[in-house]
Amino acid sequence: MAEIKGILFDKDGTLVDFNATWLGIADFMAMDAAEGDRWKADRLLAAAGFDSVSKRFKPDSIFASGTNMDVVELWFPRLSDEDQMLAVARFNEITSVQGSSMAVALPGIVETLAVLHRRSYRLGVATNDSTSGAEKTLATLGVAQLFDAAYGYDSVARPKPAPDTILAFSDLTGLRPAEIAMVGDNRHDLEMARAGGCGLAVGVLSGTGTRESLSAIADVVLNSVADLPDFLAARVKETI
């Protein structure tokens, strides 16, 4: 086992409470897309993976794991290329401004990130949100200074589950992919870890993913990022 020296985190459901942060924003986006038609907005939300019974987004659904481009392509399948880009820009604005300002950190996350930073891990964010939204969210949570970089879907040629973000973080930090852990709450986070040759793929149960959906592809499934420092410390002891 290579020593882990860097950690890439998914954002929503991993660092940020997905439902507390995004349910209202998703509804706003759907109502905006439906031009105020409640029935149509509910249909759009259901198509994007919202379960009206549990009031949660399904694991690996478009809204839980996709990009704003994915949402636009789903909700507006017949737009011209120009109108499609305008719709993406509109959603980027909504998610960047509202998503970051309304971000709710998961329990223990801020303290855990500080611990990992003190232990000299290089930290990064890999999200299918926009880069601007990711950077603003870290600032809102008061942890931006702990991170080397935040990568949104618009900062790499191919977003998750492609390995581009792993390779970009590796280039930035000088770490080999085998020295990097990827942590996330959906399968596409772990698929990116595998595609990029990460040394560790960590699933967390703090978002929309389930133990059933994550365990087949993760090296380990933790309850949350708050459990990561102890897990990494124990892993180091095993290699000594």
C-alpha atoms as a PDB file:
ATOM      1  CA  MET A   1       0.000   0.000   0.000  1.00  0.00           C
ATOM      2  CA  ALA A   2       1.321   3.417  -0.973  1.00  0.00           C
ATOM      3  CA  GLU A   3       1.288   6.054   1.740  1.00  0.00           C
ATOM      4  CA  ILE A   4      -1.620   8.438   1.256  1.00  0.00           C
ATOM      5  CA  LYS A   5      -0.388  12.029   1.134  1.00  0.00           C
ATOM      6  CA  GLY A   6      -3.250  13.794  -0.614  1.00  0.00           C
ATOM      7  CA  ILE A   7      -7.039  13.648  -0.378  1.00  0.00           C
ATOM      8  CA  LEU A   8      -9.630  14.719  -2.911  1.00  0.00           C
ATOM      9  CA  PHE A   9     -13.140  15.195  -1.556  1.00  0.00           C
ATOM     10  CA  ASP A  10     -16.430  15.293  -3.360  1.00  0.00           C
ATOM     11  CA  LYS A  11     -18.367  18.314  -2.127  1.00  0.00           C
ATOM     12  CA  ASP A  12     -22.106  17.720  -1.831  1.00  0.00           C
ATOM     13  CA  GLY A  13     -22.998  14.825   0.445  1.00  0.00           C
ATOM     14  CA  THR A  14     -19.370  14.478   1.496  1.00  0.00           C
ATOM     15  CA  LEU A  15     -18.405  17.852   2.971  1.00  0.00           C
ATOM     16  CA  VAL A  16     -21.780  19.549   2.654  1.00  0.00           C
ATOM     17  CA  ASP A  17     -25.172  18.270   3.827  1.00  0.00           C
ATOM     18  CA  PHE A  18     -26.734  17.532   0.444  1.00  0.00           C
ATOM     19  CA  ASN A  19     -30.402  17.707   1.342  1.00  0.00           C
ATOM     20  CA  ALA A  20     -30.144  20.633   3.757  1.00  0.00           C
ATOM     21  CA  THR A  21     -28.222  22.621   1.157  1.00  0.00           C
ATOM     22  CA  TRP A  22     -29.726  21.574  -2.156  1.00  0.00           C
ATOM     23  CA  LEU A  23     -33.404  20.676  -1.832  1.00  0.00           C
ATOM     24  CA  GLY A  24     -34.481  24.309  -1.885  1.00  0.00           C
ATOM     25  CA  ILE A  25     -32.062  25.175  -4.676  1.00  0.00           C
ATOM     26  CA  ALA A  26     -33.176  22.223  -6.802  1.00  0.00           C
ATOM     27  CA  ASP A  27     -36.790  23.309  -6.384  1.00  0.00           C
ATOM     28  CA  PHE A  28     -35.877  26.874  -7.350  1.00  0.00           C
ATOM     29  CA  MET A  29     -34.078  25.605 -10.471  1.00  0.00           C
ATOM     30  CA  ALA A  30     -37.018  23.416 -11.455  1.00  0.00           C
ATOM     31  CA  MET A  31     -39.538  26.217 -10.954  1.00  0.00           C
ATOM     32  CA  ASP A  32     -37.292  28.524 -12.969  1.00  0.00           C
ATOM     33  CA  ALA A  33     -37.094  25.931 -15.769  1.00  0.00           C
ATOM     34  CA  ALA A  34     -40.857  25.332 -15.617  1.00  0.00           C
ATOM     35  CA  GLU A  35     -41.584  29.071 -15.708  1.00  0.00           C
ATOM     36  CA  GLY A  36     -43.497  28.846 -12.443  1.00  0.00           C
ATOM     37  CA  ASP A  37     -45.614  25.786 -13.310  1.00  0.00           C
ATOM     38  CA  ARG A  38     -45.622  23.687 -10.109  1.00  0.00           C
ATOM     39  CA  TRP A  39     -46.825  20.496 -11.810  1.00  0.00           C
ATOM     40  CA  LYS A  40     -44.151  20.714 -14.490  1.00  0.00           C
ATOM     41  CA  ALA A  41     -41.461  21.553 -11.916  1.00  0.00           C
ATOM     42  CA  ASP A  42     -42.360  18.446  -9.918  1.00  0.00           C
ATOM     43  CA  ARG A  43     -42.058  16.349 -13.083  1.00  0.00           C
ATOM     44  CA  LEU A  44     -38.618  17.820 -13.775  1.00  0.00           C
ATOM     45  CA  LEU A  45     -37.475  17.102 -10.219  1.00  0.00           C
ATOM     46  CA  ALA A  46     -38.696  13.505 -10.460  1.00  0.00           C
ATOM     47  CA  ALA A  47     -36.827  13.048 -13.738  1.00  0.00           C
ATOM     48  CA  ALA A  48     -33.652  14.323 -12.054  1.00  0.00           C
ATOM     49  CA  GLY A  49     -34.012  11.728  -9.304  1.00  0.00           C
ATOM     50  CA  PHE A  50     -36.095  13.356  -6.563  1.00  0.00           C
ATOM     51  CA  ASP A  51     -38.159  10.911  -4.517  1.00  0.00           C
ATOM     52  CA  SER A  52     -41.261  12.781  -3.374  1.00  0.00           C
ATOM     53  CA  VAL A  53     -41.966  10.191  -0.666  1.00  0.00           C
ATOM     54  CA  SER A  54     -38.594  10.278   1.092  1.00  0.00           C
ATOM     55  CA  LYS A  55     -37.969  13.930   0.102  1.00  0.00           C
ATOM     56  CA  ARG A  56     -34.461  12.968  -0.983  1.00  0.00           C
ATOM     57  CA  PHE A  57     -32.577  12.522  -4.232  1.00  0.00           C
ATOM     58  CA  LYS A  58     -31.841   8.951  -5.230  1.00  0.00           C
ATOM     59  CA  PRO A  59     -28.239   7.664  -5.195  1.00  0.00           C
ATOM     60  CA  ASP A  60     -26.339   8.341  -8.441  1.00  0.00           C
ATOM     61  CA  SER A  61     -29.279  10.306  -9.886  1.00  0.00           C
ATOM     62  CA  ILE A  62     -28.688  13.203 -12.269  1.00  0.00           C
ATOM     63  CA  PHE A  63     -29.134  15.852  -9.589  1.00  0.00           C
ATOM     64  CA  ALA A  64     -27.158  13.930  -6.980  1.00  0.00           C
ATOM     65  CA  SER A  65     -24.142  13.274  -9.167  1.00  0.00           C
ATOM     66  CA  GLY A  66     -24.435  15.051 -12.520  1.00  0.00           C
ATOM     67  CA  THR A  67     -23.318  18.428 -13.805  1.00  0.00           C
ATOM     68  CA  ASN A  68     -25.457  21.419 -14.649  1.00  0.00           C
ATOM     69  CA  MET A  69     -24.984  20.451 -18.289  1.00  0.00           C
ATOM     70  CA  ASP A  70     -26.474  17.034 -17.490  1.00  0.00           C
ATOM     71  CA  VAL A  71     -29.478  18.732 -15.875  1.00  0.00           C
ATOM     72  CA  VAL A  72     -29.955  21.064 -18.837  1.00  0.00           C
ATOM     73  CA  GLU A  73     -29.718  18.187 -21.324  1.00  0.00           C
ATOM     74  CA  LEU A  74     -32.318  16.270 -19.300  1.00  0.00           C
ATOM     75  CA  TRP A  75     -34.743  19.143 -18.799  1.00  0.00           C
ATOM     76  CA  PHE A  76     -34.286  20.902 -22.161  1.00  0.00           C
ATOM     77  CA  PRO A  77     -33.444  18.148 -24.676  1.00  0.00           C
ATOM     78  CA  ARG A  78     -34.290  20.185 -27.780  1.00  0.00           C
ATOM     79  CA  LEU A  79     -32.412  23.422 -27.130  1.00  0.00           C
ATOM     80  CA  SER A  80     -30.004  24.791 -29.699  1.00  0.00           C
ATOM     81  CA  ASP A  81     -26.335  24.764 -28.709  1.00  0.00           C
ATOM     82  CA  GLU A  82     -26.450  28.503 -28.018  1.00  0.00           C
ATOM     83  CA  ASP A  83     -29.585  28.307 -25.862  1.00  0.00           C
ATOM     84  CA  GLN A  84     -28.180  25.275 -24.087  1.00  0.00           C
ATOM     85  CA  MET A  85     -25.095  27.219 -23.047  1.00  0.00           C
ATOM     86  CA  LEU A  86     -27.276  30.093 -21.860  1.00  0.00           C
ATOM     87  CA  ALA A  87     -29.299  27.670 -19.727  1.00  0.00           C
ATOM     88  CA  VAL A  88     -26.106  26.170 -18.269  1.00  0.00           C
ATOM     89  CA  ALA A  89     -24.818  29.669 -17.465  1.00  0.00           C
ATOM     90  CA  ARG A  90     -28.119  30.439 -15.718  1.00  0.00           C
ATOM     91  CA  PHE A  91     -27.920  27.276 -13.606  1.00  0.00           C
ATOM     92  CA  ASN A  92     -24.233  27.892 -12.874  1.00  0.00           C
ATOM     93  CA  GLU A  93     -25.190  31.305 -11.503  1.00  0.00           C
ATOM     94  CA  ILE A  94     -27.929  29.821  -9.322  1.00  0.00           C
ATOM     95  CA  THR A  95     -25.775  27.021  -7.932  1.00  0.00           C
ATOM     96  CA  SER A  96     -22.684  29.174  -7.507  1.00  0.00           C
ATOM     97  CA  VAL A  97     -24.395  32.007  -5.647  1.00  0.00           C
ATOM     98  CA  GLN A  98     -27.254  30.306  -3.814  1.00  0.00           C
ATOM     99  CA  GLY A  99     -25.619  26.910  -3.404  1.00  0.00           C
ATOM    100  CA  SER A 100     -22.550  28.387  -1.769  1.00  0.00           C
ATOM    101  CA  SER A 101     -24.375  30.891   0.414  1.00  0.00           C
ATOM    102  CA  MET A 102     -26.770  28.210   1.708  1.00  0.00           C
ATOM    103  CA  ALA A 103     -24.101  25.531   2.217  1.00  0.00           C
ATOM    104  CA  VAL A 104     -24.490  23.541   5.444  1.00  0.00           C
ATOM    105  CA  ALA A 105     -21.406  21.622   6.569  1.00  0.00           C
ATOM    106  CA  LEU A 106     -21.939  18.046   7.691  1.00  0.00           C
ATOM    107  CA  PRO A 107     -21.305  17.430  11.411  1.00  0.00           C
ATOM    108  CA  GLY A 108     -17.630  17.489  12.368  1.00  0.00           C
ATOM    109  CA  ILE A 109     -16.412  18.324   8.875  1.00  0.00           C
ATOM    110  CA  VAL A 110     -14.723  21.653   9.604  1.00  0.00           C
ATOM    111  CA  GLU A 111     -12.828  20.206  12.580  1.00  0.00           C
ATOM    112  CA  THR A 112     -11.858  17.079  10.617  1.00  0.00           C
ATOM    113  CA  LEU A 113     -10.467  19.078   7.703  1.00  0.00           C
ATOM    114  CA  ALA A 114      -8.368  21.099  10.145  1.00  0.00           C
ATOM    115  CA  VAL A 115      -6.985  17.871  11.631  1.00  0.00           C
ATOM    116  CA  LEU A 116      -6.083  16.484   8.201  1.00  0.00           C
ATOM    117  CA  HIS A 117      -4.421  19.754   7.227  1.00  0.00           C
ATOM    118  CA  ARG A 118      -2.347  19.742  10.433  1.00  0.00           C
ATOM    119  CA  ARG A 119      -1.222  16.226   9.534  1.00  0.00           C
ATOM    120  CA  SER A 120       0.146  17.674   6.261  1.00  0.00           C
ATOM    121  CA  TYR A 121      -2.270  16.019   3.858  1.00  0.00           C
ATOM    122  CA  ARG A 122      -2.688  17.944   0.608  1.00  0.00           C
ATOM    123  CA  LEU A 123      -6.406  18.618   0.252  1.00  0.00           C
ATOM    124  CA  GLY A 124      -8.549  19.219  -2.803  1.00  0.00           C
ATOM    125  CA  VAL A 125     -12.186  19.220  -3.887  1.00  0.00           C
ATOM    126  CA  ALA A 126     -13.483  17.342  -6.932  1.00  0.00           C
ATOM    127  CA  THR A 127     -17.102  18.186  -7.714  1.00  0.00           C
ATOM    128  CA  ASN A 128     -19.538  18.140 -10.589  1.00  0.00           C
ATOM    129  CA  ASP A 129     -20.722  21.549  -9.416  1.00  0.00           C
ATOM    130  CA  SER A 130     -19.022  24.559 -11.014  1.00  0.00           C
ATOM    131  CA  THR A 131     -15.533  25.559  -9.899  1.00  0.00           C
ATOM    132  CA  SER A 132     -16.873  28.925  -8.775  1.00  0.00           C
ATOM    133  CA  GLY A 133     -19.543  27.208  -6.691  1.00  0.00           C
ATOM    134  CA  ALA A 134     -16.959  24.945  -5.083  1.00  0.00           C
ATOM    135  CA  GLU A 135     -14.614  27.805  -4.230  1.00  0.00           C
ATOM    136  CA  LYS A 136     -17.432  29.932  -2.821  1.00  0.00           C
ATOM    137  CA  THR A 137     -18.697  27.006  -0.742  1.00  0.00           C
ATOM    138  CA  LEU A 138     -15.281  26.434   0.844  1.00  0.00           C
ATOM    139  CA  ALA A 139     -15.159  30.141   1.686  1.00  0.00           C
ATOM    140  CA  THR A 140     -18.642  29.992   3.207  1.00  0.00           C
ATOM    141  CA  LEU A 141     -17.599  27.060   5.396  1.00  0.00           C
ATOM    142  CA  GLY A 142     -14.435  28.893   6.434  1.00  0.00           C
ATOM    143  CA  VAL A 143     -12.076  26.178   5.182  1.00  0.00           C
ATOM    144  CA  ALA A 144     -10.826  27.558   1.850  1.00  0.00           C
ATOM    145  CA  GLN A 145      -7.353  28.168   3.299  1.00  0.00           C
ATOM    146  CA  LEU A 146      -6.941  24.438   3.996  1.00  0.00           C
ATOM    147  CA  PHE A 147      -7.249  23.418   0.338  1.00  0.00           C
ATOM    148  CA  ASP A 148      -4.729  23.415  -2.487  1.00  0.00           C
ATOM    149  CA  ALA A 149      -7.415  23.493  -5.165  1.00  0.00           C
ATOM    150  CA  ALA A 150     -11.078  23.047  -6.006  1.00  0.00           C
ATOM    151  CA  TYR A 151     -11.992  21.436  -9.321  1.00  0.00           C
ATOM    152  CA  GLY A 152     -15.469  21.792 -10.786  1.00  0.00           C
ATOM    153  CA  TYR A 153     -16.809  20.122 -13.898  1.00  0.00           C
ATOM    154  CA  ASP A 154     -15.839  23.230 -15.861  1.00  0.00           C
ATOM    155  CA  SER A 155     -12.162  23.152 -14.842  1.00  0.00           C
ATOM    156  CA  VAL A 156     -11.274  19.876 -16.573  1.00  0.00           C
ATOM    157  CA  ALA A 157     -11.899  18.499 -20.045  1.00  0.00           C
ATOM    158  CA  ARG A 158     -13.918  15.564 -18.693  1.00  0.00           C
ATOM    159  CA  PRO A 159     -15.682  15.663 -15.309  1.00  0.00           C
ATOM    160  CA  LYS A 160     -16.331  12.724 -13.003  1.00  0.00           C
ATOM    161  CA  PRO A 161     -16.230   9.781 -13.456  1.00  0.00           C
ATOM    162  CA  ALA A 162     -13.362  10.475 -15.891  1.00  0.00           C
ATOM    163  CA  PRO A 163      -9.914  10.628 -14.229  1.00  0.00           C
ATOM    164  CA  ASP A 164      -9.038  14.178 -15.335  1.00  0.00           C
ATOM    165  CA  THR A 165      -9.389  15.730 -11.876  1.00  0.00           C
ATOM    166  CA  ILE A 166      -7.165  13.071 -10.298  1.00  0.00           C
ATOM    167  CA  LEU A 167      -4.488  13.801 -12.879  1.00  0.00           C
ATOM    168  CA  ALA A 168      -4.824  17.582 -12.433  1.00  0.00           C
ATOM    169  CA  PHE A 169      -4.449  17.268  -8.647  1.00  0.00           C
ATOM    170  CA  SER A 170      -1.483  14.956  -9.121  1.00  0.00           C
ATOM    171  CA  ASP A 171       0.184  17.474 -11.446  1.00  0.00           C
ATOM    172  CA  LEU A 172      -0.482  20.322  -9.008  1.00  0.00           C
ATOM    173  CA  THR A 173       0.799  18.596  -5.886  1.00  0.00           C
ATOM    174  CA  GLY A 174       3.500  16.413  -7.398  1.00  0.00           C
ATOM    175  CA  LEU A 175       1.897  13.370  -5.803  1.00  0.00           C
ATOM    176  CA  ARG A 176       1.440  10.114  -7.665  1.00  0.00           C
ATOM    177  CA  PRO A 177      -2.206   9.036  -8.051  1.00  0.00           C
ATOM    178  CA  ALA A 178      -1.362   6.053  -5.832  1.00  0.00           C
ATOM    179  CA  GLU A 179      -0.635   8.555  -3.034  1.00  0.00           C
ATOM    180  CA  ILE A 180      -4.068  10.194  -3.388  1.00  0.00           C
ATOM    181  CA  ALA A 181      -7.334   9.135  -1.737  1.00  0.00           C
ATOM    182  CA  MET A 182     -10.689  10.004  -3.282  1.00  0.00           C
ATOM    183  CA  VAL A 183     -13.628  10.384  -0.903  1.00  0.00           C
ATOM    184  CA  GLY A 184     -17.239  10.610  -2.027  1.00  0.00           C
ATOM    185  CA  ASP A 185     -20.838   9.592  -1.463  1.00  0.00           C
ATOM    186  CA  ASN A 186     -21.701   8.399  -4.986  1.00  0.00           C
ATOM    187  CA  ARG A 187     -20.386   5.723  -7.312  1.00  0.00           C
ATOM    188  CA  HIS A 188     -19.044   8.234  -9.838  1.00  0.00           C
ATOM    189  CA  ASP A 189     -16.610   9.509  -7.168  1.00  0.00           C
ATOM    190  CA  LEU A 190     -15.243   6.007  -6.702  1.00  0.00           C
ATOM    191  CA  GLU A 191     -15.300   5.261 -10.431  1.00  0.00           C
ATOM    192  CA  MET A 192     -13.106   8.331 -10.925  1.00  0.00           C
ATOM    193  CA  ALA A 193     -10.758   7.037  -8.218  1.00  0.00           C
ATOM    194  CA  ARG A 194     -10.423   3.725 -10.045  1.00  0.00           C
ATOM    195  CA  ALA A 195     -10.026   5.339 -13.455  1.00  0.00           C
ATOM    196  CA  GLY A 196      -7.340   7.677 -12.134  1.00  0.00           C
ATOM    197  CA  GLY A 197      -5.351   5.018 -10.272  1.00  0.00           C
ATOM    198  CA  CYS A 198      -5.969   6.421  -6.781  1.00  0.00           C
ATOM    199  CA  GLY A 199      -4.398   4.564  -3.906  1.00  0.00           C
ATOM    200  CA  LEU A 200      -7.617   4.624  -1.904  1.00  0.00           C
ATOM    201  CA  ALA A 201     -11.312   4.906  -2.805  1.00  0.00           C
ATOM    202  CA  VAL A 202     -13.401   5.893   0.222  1.00  0.00           C
ATOM    203  CA  GLY A 203     -17.179   5.843   0.204  1.00  0.00           C
ATOM    204  CA  VAL A 204     -19.118   7.819   2.810  1.00  0.00           C
ATOM    205  CA  LEU A 205     -22.734   7.368   3.909  1.00  0.00           C
ATOM    206  CA  SER A 206     -23.347  11.040   4.654  1.00  0.00           C
ATOM    207  CA  GLY A 207     -24.940  11.825   1.281  1.00  0.00           C
ATOM    208  CA  THR A 208     -27.211  10.119  -1.229  1.00  0.00           C
ATOM    209  CA  GLY A 209     -25.204   6.907  -1.620  1.00  0.00           C
ATOM    210  CA  THR A 210     -25.921   3.740   0.338  1.00  0.00           C
ATOM    211  CA  ARG A 211     -23.654   0.999   1.634  1.00  0.00           C
ATOM    212  CA  GLU A 212     -25.143  -1.265  -1.024  1.00  0.00           C
ATOM    213  CA  SER A 213     -24.412   1.182  -3.859  1.00  0.00           C
ATOM    214  CA  LEU A 214     -20.867   1.981  -2.678  1.00  0.00           C
ATOM    215  CA  SER A 215     -19.383  -1.165  -1.159  1.00  0.00           C
ATOM    216  CA  ALA A 216     -18.779  -3.021  -4.425  1.00  0.00           C
ATOM    217  CA  ILE A 217     -16.393  -0.356  -5.706  1.00  0.00           C
ATOM    218  CA  ALA A 218     -14.999   1.290  -2.533  1.00  0.00           C
ATOM    219  CA  ASP A 219     -11.938   0.129  -0.607  1.00  0.00           C
ATOM    220  CA  VAL A 220     -13.777   1.153   2.535  1.00  0.00           C
ATOM    221  CA  VAL A 221     -17.146   2.690   3.390  1.00  0.00           C
ATOM    222  CA  LEU A 222     -17.202   5.092   6.345  1.00  0.00           C
ATOM    223  CA  ASN A 223     -20.139   6.798   7.993  1.00  0.00           C
ATOM    224  CA  SER A 224     -18.670  10.201   7.205  1.00  0.00           C
ATOM    225  CA  VAL A 225     -15.481  12.144   6.563  1.00  0.00           C
ATOM    226  CA  ALA A 226     -15.297  12.658  10.337  1.00  0.00           C
ATOM    227  CA  ASP A 227     -14.159   9.023  10.549  1.00  0.00           C
ATOM    228  CA  LEU A 228     -11.335   9.524   8.045  1.00  0.00           C
ATOM    229  CA  PRO A 229      -8.465  10.671  10.335  1.00  0.00           C
ATOM    230  CA  ASP A 230      -8.739   7.595  12.545  1.00  0.00           C
ATOM    231  CA  PHE A 231      -9.033   5.299   9.527  1.00  0.00           C
ATOM    232  CA  LEU A 232      -5.942   6.782   7.862  1.00  0.00           C
ATOM    233  CA  ALA A 233      -3.970   6.633  11.110  1.00  0.00           C
ATOM    234  CA  ALA A 234      -4.848   2.950  11.540  1.00  0.00           C
ATOM    235  CA  ARG A 235      -3.920   2.294   7.898  1.00  0.00           C
ATOM    236  CA  VAL A 236      -0.484   3.828   8.438  1.00  0.00           C
ATOM    237  CA  LYS A 237       0.108   1.597  11.468  1.00  0.00           C
ATOM    238  CA  GLU A 238      -0.700  -1.467   9.366  1.00  0.00           C
ATOM    239  CA  THR A 239       2.084  -0.605   6.958  1.00  0.00           C
ATOM    240  CA  ILE A 240       4.735  -0.139   9.647  1.00  0.00           C
END
